[in-house]
Protein backbone atom coordinates (compact mmCIF):
# COMPACT_ATOMS: atom_id res chain seq x y z
CA MET A 1 -9.75 29.19 -0.91
CA LYS A 2 -13.31 28.22 -1.80
CA LYS A 3 -13.09 25.03 -3.86
CA ILE A 4 -10.94 21.91 -3.47
CA GLY A 5 -10.78 18.59 -5.29
CA VAL A 6 -9.86 15.08 -4.24
CA LEU A 7 -8.68 12.13 -6.34
CA THR A 8 -7.28 8.65 -5.80
CA SER A 9 -4.51 7.46 -8.08
CA GLY A 10 -2.44 4.35 -8.79
CA GLY A 11 -3.17 1.06 -7.05
CA ASP A 12 -6.19 1.10 -4.76
CA SER A 13 -5.77 0.53 -1.04
CA GLN A 14 -8.00 0.24 2.00
CA GLY A 15 -8.23 3.55 3.82
CA MET A 16 -8.58 5.61 0.65
CA ASN A 17 -12.33 5.89 1.21
CA ALA A 18 -11.72 7.03 4.79
CA ALA A 19 -9.45 9.79 3.50
CA ILE A 20 -12.07 10.83 0.92
CA TYR A 21 -14.73 10.83 3.65
CA ALA A 22 -12.68 13.08 5.91
CA THR A 23 -11.64 15.41 3.09
CA VAL A 24 -15.27 15.97 2.13
CA LYS A 25 -16.66 16.24 5.67
CA CYS A 26 -13.90 18.53 6.95
CA GLY A 27 -13.92 20.59 3.77
CA LEU A 28 -17.65 21.19 4.01
CA GLN A 29 -17.32 22.10 7.67
CA LYS A 30 -14.80 24.77 6.67
CA GLY A 31 -17.22 26.20 4.13
CA LEU A 32 -15.48 24.78 1.06
CA GLU A 33 -16.98 23.18 -2.02
CA VAL A 34 -15.41 19.75 -2.49
CA TYR A 35 -15.21 18.11 -5.91
CA GLY A 36 -14.57 14.41 -6.50
CA ILE A 37 -12.38 13.59 -9.49
CA TYR A 38 -13.03 10.13 -10.89
CA ASN A 39 -10.38 7.64 -12.06
CA GLY A 40 -7.38 9.56 -10.82
CA TYR A 41 -5.36 11.85 -13.04
CA GLN A 42 -7.01 10.35 -16.11
CA GLY A 43 -10.33 11.64 -14.84
CA LEU A 44 -8.75 15.03 -14.19
CA ILE A 45 -7.53 15.12 -17.78
CA ASP A 46 -10.91 13.94 -19.10
CA GLY A 47 -12.93 16.31 -16.92
CA LYS A 48 -14.74 13.62 -14.89
CA VAL A 49 -15.52 15.86 -11.93
CA GLU A 50 -18.52 16.00 -9.60
CA LEU A 51 -19.50 18.19 -6.67
CA LEU A 52 -19.63 16.05 -3.53
CA THR A 53 -21.99 16.36 -0.56
CA VAL A 54 -22.24 14.77 2.86
CA GLN A 55 -24.57 12.19 1.30
CA SER A 56 -21.90 11.35 -1.28
CA VAL A 57 -19.63 9.93 1.39
CA GLU A 58 -22.07 8.34 3.81
CA ASN A 59 -20.99 4.89 5.03
CA ILE A 60 -17.81 4.73 2.94
CA ALA A 61 -15.11 5.25 5.58
CA HIS A 62 -14.65 1.54 6.38
CA ARG A 63 -15.02 0.22 2.82
CA GLY A 64 -12.12 -1.10 0.77
CA GLY A 65 -11.26 0.21 -2.67
CA THR A 66 -12.14 3.79 -3.59
CA VAL A 67 -15.54 5.23 -4.51
CA LEU A 68 -13.79 7.67 -6.84
CA GLY A 69 -12.12 4.92 -8.85
CA THR A 70 -8.46 4.92 -9.75
CA ALA A 71 -6.19 4.44 -12.74
CA ARG A 72 -2.57 4.76 -13.74
CA CYS A 73 -2.08 7.70 -16.09
CA PRO A 74 1.13 8.04 -18.14
CA ALA A 75 -0.44 11.06 -19.88
CA MET A 76 -0.09 13.03 -16.65
CA PHE A 77 3.66 13.12 -17.22
CA THR A 78 3.36 14.72 -20.65
CA PRO A 79 2.91 18.47 -21.29
CA GLN A 80 -0.31 17.80 -23.20
CA GLY A 81 -1.82 15.79 -20.35
CA GLN A 82 -0.76 18.36 -17.75
CA LYS A 83 -2.35 21.21 -19.70
CA LYS A 84 -5.63 19.31 -19.95
CA ALA A 85 -5.53 18.64 -16.22
CA ILE A 86 -4.98 22.33 -15.50
CA ALA A 87 -7.82 23.25 -17.85
CA THR A 88 -10.18 21.00 -15.87
CA LEU A 89 -9.15 22.58 -12.57
CA GLN A 90 -9.69 26.04 -14.03
CA LYS A 91 -13.07 25.09 -15.50
CA PHE A 92 -14.40 24.05 -12.08
CA GLY A 93 -12.52 26.73 -10.16
CA ILE A 94 -10.65 24.15 -8.07
CA GLU A 95 -7.87 25.91 -6.15
CA GLY A 96 -6.55 23.05 -4.03
CA LEU A 97 -6.13 19.34 -4.70
CA VAL A 98 -5.86 16.36 -2.35
CA VAL A 99 -4.07 13.46 -4.06
CA ILE A 100 -4.33 10.03 -2.43
CA GLY A 101 -1.83 7.50 -3.78
CA GLY A 102 1.79 6.38 -3.87
CA ASP A 103 5.04 7.92 -5.07
CA GLY A 104 3.94 8.08 -8.72
CA SER A 105 0.79 9.93 -7.70
CA PHE A 106 2.86 12.27 -5.53
CA ASN A 107 5.12 13.05 -8.46
CA GLY A 108 2.06 14.12 -10.42
CA ALA A 109 1.04 16.39 -7.54
CA LYS A 110 4.53 17.82 -7.42
CA VAL A 111 4.33 18.74 -11.13
CA LEU A 112 0.97 20.48 -10.66
CA SER A 113 2.30 22.41 -7.69
CA THR A 114 5.81 23.41 -8.82
CA LYS A 115 5.09 23.90 -12.51
CA TYR A 116 1.55 25.27 -12.50
CA GLY A 117 1.07 26.71 -9.01
CA VAL A 118 -1.75 24.39 -7.93
CA ASN A 119 -2.04 23.95 -4.16
CA THR A 120 -1.56 20.20 -3.67
CA VAL A 121 -1.43 17.89 -0.66
CA GLY A 122 -0.64 14.17 -0.89
CA ILE A 123 -1.98 11.38 1.32
CA PRO A 124 -0.01 8.10 1.16
CA GLY A 125 -2.30 5.36 -0.14
CA THR A 126 -0.40 2.18 -0.96
CA ILE A 127 -0.52 -1.26 0.64
CA ASP A 128 3.23 -1.77 0.20
CA ASN A 129 4.23 0.70 2.96
CA ASP A 130 7.14 1.73 0.74
CA LEU A 131 7.29 5.50 1.36
CA ALA A 132 10.30 6.37 3.51
CA TYR A 133 9.05 9.56 5.13
CA THR A 134 6.10 7.99 7.00
CA ASP A 135 5.81 5.08 9.42
CA PHE A 136 2.71 3.68 7.72
CA THR A 137 0.71 4.13 4.52
CA LEU A 138 -3.02 3.63 3.99
CA GLY A 139 -3.86 0.01 3.20
CA PHE A 140 -0.78 -1.61 4.68
CA ASP A 141 -2.45 -2.70 7.90
CA SER A 142 -5.52 -4.05 6.09
CA ALA A 143 -3.46 -5.95 3.50
CA THR A 144 -1.31 -7.48 6.21
CA ALA A 145 -4.41 -8.51 8.16
CA THR A 146 -5.70 -10.27 5.03
CA VAL A 147 -2.45 -12.23 4.76
CA ILE A 148 -2.61 -13.21 8.42
CA ASN A 149 -6.21 -14.44 8.11
CA ALA A 150 -5.33 -16.43 4.98
CA VAL A 151 -2.44 -18.14 6.75
CA LYS A 152 -4.70 -18.94 9.70
CA GLY A 153 -7.01 -20.73 7.30
CA LEU A 154 -4.15 -22.63 5.71
CA ARG A 155 -2.82 -23.71 9.10
CA ASP A 156 -5.99 -25.75 9.77
CA THR A 157 -5.60 -27.89 6.68
CA MET A 158 -1.79 -28.00 6.82
CA TYR A 159 -1.65 -29.49 10.28
CA CYS A 160 -3.88 -32.46 9.57
CA ASN A 161 -2.08 -33.24 6.28
CA GLU A 162 1.49 -32.52 7.43
CA ARG A 163 1.74 -30.15 4.49
CA SER A 164 3.77 -26.99 3.95
CA PHE A 165 2.78 -23.98 1.88
CA VAL A 166 4.67 -21.31 -0.01
CA VAL A 167 2.47 -18.20 0.28
CA GLU A 168 3.22 -15.34 -2.10
CA VAL A 169 2.19 -11.83 -1.03
CA MET A 170 2.49 -8.40 -2.62
CA GLY A 171 5.60 -6.29 -2.18
CA ARG A 172 7.73 -5.78 -5.28
CA HIS A 173 10.38 -3.55 -3.71
CA CYS A 174 9.33 -3.46 -0.07
CA GLY A 175 8.77 -6.60 1.99
CA ASP A 176 6.87 -5.07 4.90
CA ILE A 177 3.65 -7.01 4.25
CA ALA A 178 5.51 -10.31 4.39
CA LEU A 179 7.72 -9.25 7.29
CA TYR A 180 4.98 -7.96 9.59
CA ALA A 181 2.61 -10.81 8.68
CA SER A 182 5.32 -13.40 9.29
CA ILE A 183 5.69 -12.24 12.88
CA ALA A 184 1.95 -12.13 13.52
CA CYS A 185 1.19 -15.53 12.00
CA GLY A 186 4.38 -17.33 12.99
CA ALA A 187 5.67 -18.12 9.51
CA GLU A 188 8.55 -20.57 9.64
CA VAL A 189 10.36 -18.83 6.74
CA VAL A 190 10.03 -15.28 5.38
CA LEU A 191 11.60 -14.19 2.09
CA LEU A 192 11.92 -10.49 1.28
CA PRO A 193 13.19 -8.24 -1.54
CA GLU A 194 15.64 -6.65 0.89
CA VAL A 195 17.39 -9.95 1.64
CA GLU A 196 19.01 -12.05 -1.08
CA LEU A 197 17.20 -15.36 -1.47
CA ASP A 198 19.22 -18.34 -0.24
CA LEU A 199 17.37 -21.55 -1.10
CA ASP A 200 19.93 -23.67 0.72
CA LYS A 201 19.04 -21.92 3.98
CA VAL A 202 15.34 -22.40 3.31
CA VAL A 203 15.81 -26.12 2.73
CA SER A 204 18.07 -26.40 5.77
CA THR A 205 15.31 -24.87 7.93
CA LEU A 206 12.68 -27.24 6.53
CA LYS A 207 14.92 -30.28 7.05
CA HIS A 208 15.66 -29.24 10.61
CA ASN A 209 11.95 -28.79 11.33
CA ALA A 210 11.23 -32.23 9.86
CA LYS A 211 13.80 -33.79 12.18
CA VAL A 212 12.06 -32.38 15.23
CA GLY A 213 8.67 -33.56 13.94
CA LYS A 214 7.32 -30.38 12.35
CA HIS A 215 6.08 -30.93 8.80
CA ASP A 216 3.61 -28.04 8.40
CA ASN A 217 5.57 -24.93 7.48
CA ILE A 218 4.58 -21.55 6.09
CA ILE A 219 7.11 -20.02 3.71
CA LEU A 220 5.93 -16.44 3.32
CA VAL A 221 7.45 -14.75 0.28
CA SER A 222 7.23 -11.25 -1.20
CA GLU A 223 6.66 -11.12 -4.95
CA GLY A 224 9.90 -9.14 -5.36
CA VAL A 225 12.44 -11.64 -4.01
CA ARG A 226 15.80 -11.74 -5.76
CA ILE A 227 18.50 -14.30 -6.55
CA ASN A 228 21.95 -12.99 -7.53
CA GLY A 229 20.49 -9.50 -7.71
CA GLU A 230 17.81 -10.47 -10.23
CA TYR A 231 14.07 -10.67 -9.62
CA LEU A 232 12.54 -14.10 -10.10
CA SER A 233 10.45 -14.14 -13.26
CA GLY A 234 7.12 -15.94 -13.29
CA LYS A 235 5.04 -17.08 -10.34
CA VAL A 236 7.43 -16.70 -7.46
CA ALA A 237 5.58 -19.11 -5.15
CA ASP A 238 5.66 -21.87 -7.77
CA ILE A 239 9.36 -21.32 -8.49
CA ILE A 240 10.28 -21.58 -4.83
CA ARG A 241 8.02 -24.60 -4.28
CA ASP A 242 9.58 -26.40 -7.24
CA SER A 243 13.10 -25.51 -6.08
CA ILE A 244 12.35 -26.95 -2.63
CA LEU A 245 10.93 -30.13 -4.18
CA GLU A 246 14.11 -30.62 -6.20
CA ARG A 247 16.10 -30.67 -2.97
CA MET A 248 13.44 -32.43 -0.84
CA PRO A 249 11.47 -34.78 -3.17
CA LYS A 250 9.46 -36.31 -0.34
CA ILE A 251 8.18 -33.06 1.17
CA ASN A 252 4.43 -32.41 0.97
CA ILE A 253 4.37 -28.81 -0.20
CA ARG A 254 2.06 -26.59 -2.23
CA SER A 255 1.93 -22.95 -3.26
CA VAL A 256 -0.68 -20.20 -3.20
CA VAL A 257 -0.66 -16.63 -4.50
CA LEU A 258 -2.90 -14.29 -2.49
CA GLY A 259 -2.71 -11.56 -5.12
CA HIS A 260 -5.42 -8.89 -5.18
CA LEU A 261 -7.24 -10.38 -2.20
CA GLN A 262 -4.82 -8.21 -0.23
CA ARG A 263 -6.36 -5.05 -1.72
CA GLY A 264 -9.97 -6.03 -1.02
CA GLY A 265 -12.31 -6.13 1.93
CA ASP A 266 -13.08 -3.57 4.60
CA ALA A 267 -10.31 -1.43 6.01
CA THR A 268 -9.06 -2.27 9.50
CA ILE A 269 -9.80 0.24 12.23
CA GLN A 270 -6.18 1.39 12.04
CA ASP A 271 -6.43 2.19 8.32
CA THR A 272 -9.86 3.77 8.74
CA LEU A 273 -8.68 6.08 11.51
CA LEU A 274 -5.44 6.82 9.69
CA GLY A 275 -7.31 7.81 6.54
CA ILE A 276 -9.68 10.07 8.48
CA ARG A 277 -6.85 11.73 10.41
CA MET A 278 -4.82 12.30 7.26
CA GLY A 279 -7.81 13.64 5.32
CA GLU A 280 -8.56 16.16 8.04
CA HIS A 281 -4.93 17.30 8.14
CA ALA A 282 -4.85 17.67 4.35
CA VAL A 283 -7.80 20.07 4.46
CA LYS A 284 -6.09 22.07 7.21
CA CYS A 285 -3.00 22.38 5.02
CA LEU A 286 -4.99 23.66 2.04
CA ILE A 287 -6.96 26.28 3.95
CA SER A 288 -3.65 27.46 5.44
CA ASP A 289 -2.28 27.93 1.89
CA LYS A 290 0.27 25.15 2.39
CA THR A 291 1.15 23.53 -0.92
CA ASN A 292 3.43 20.83 -2.26
CA ARG A 293 2.99 18.91 1.02
CA VAL A 294 2.50 15.26 1.86
CA ILE A 295 0.84 13.90 4.98
CA GLY A 296 2.48 11.24 7.12
CA ILE A 297 2.47 9.65 10.55
CA LYS A 298 5.41 9.32 12.94
CA ASN A 299 5.10 7.95 16.46
CA ASN A 300 1.30 8.13 16.04
CA LYS A 301 1.41 11.85 15.27
CA ILE A 302 0.08 13.20 11.96
CA PHE A 303 2.39 15.69 10.24
CA ASP A 304 2.97 17.30 6.85
CA GLU A 305 6.25 17.63 4.97
CA ASP A 306 7.52 19.15 1.74
CA ILE A 307 6.86 16.67 -1.04
CA VAL A 308 10.31 17.04 -2.63
CA GLU A 309 12.05 16.38 0.66
CA ALA A 310 9.76 13.46 1.46
CA LEU A 311 10.28 11.70 -1.88
CA ALA A 312 14.04 12.19 -1.68
CA LYS A 313 14.28 10.10 1.49
CA THR A 314 15.61 6.56 1.22
CA ARG A 315 13.65 3.83 2.93
CA GLN A 316 15.63 1.93 5.56
CA PHE A 317 15.11 -1.81 5.92
CA ASP A 318 14.32 -2.82 9.51
CA ALA A 319 17.02 -5.44 9.95
CA LYS A 320 16.30 -5.77 13.68
CA LEU A 321 12.66 -6.62 13.05
CA TYR A 322 13.73 -9.17 10.43
CA ALA A 323 16.16 -10.80 12.89
CA PHE A 324 13.41 -10.84 15.51
CA SER A 325 11.01 -12.57 13.09
CA LYS A 326 13.57 -15.31 12.49
CA SER A 327 14.25 -15.79 16.19
CA LEU A 328 10.59 -16.48 16.95
CA VAL A 329 10.34 -19.63 14.82
CA LYS A 330 13.41 -21.57 15.91
CA TYR A 331 12.67 -25.13 17.02
């Protein structure tokens, strides 16, 4: 193998740049030419490809976002789009491809590998931490740190005003950002997609806290919370705030949606190191002619696994960690 490519696809996440950095540096050290593909699979289809050098990736490892850009690309799942993508790879002589993204991006890599024989390796880049085969994904630690810092800021103003806040964070199907952040920042209530929303229990907690003199509460909520099996439609934080006010008209409570702030800013050291370690392992897989693999981390050890087997795994909700989070905030 003489030439490899790297792209970032789907939602951006901190740590993607670290993985790009390591892919380029390690690839060059192995005597490979490394090509950057801009704007994900759409760039592959459109032929937006550039030869990368050491200078191309200087000082990017810690930065948030992705220097290669990213986009969602429905065309990649059509025969016409796939043929254009293959034509681009053939034009530049790219024999192996590192795909950094989530499950949708991995499915695109799987198509290229199983249908067209392209050597592909996937690196999990998604802040949601929603891939079952790996302990952590790139961006999760950084996004969670952003939530924790935001709550720390809110705590200062909440305390002096005896005010509570409903804080909405990302996590449509996986509540790990809210769950981990709730433990680290001491949220009084955490609401997750994996646990049916019970507003009566929320109100009961707030009333109990008020009785013991605590009026500044953080209600940390994932965007994907459900009632009666249905996702809440609209701004989840506002809906929950209004529902609490209906039951507790005198409570001083406001809502805030952190939104894309969770995707921005420098990567934490954990995400930076994770991206670098995964990028290096991806290059090793390609030069060993391993294909259709995804990179993961278990018990702090980097490994690779068949992509079909990895995507077939069902994520298990950590009920013990959830119970622990609740036990920490009892008054």
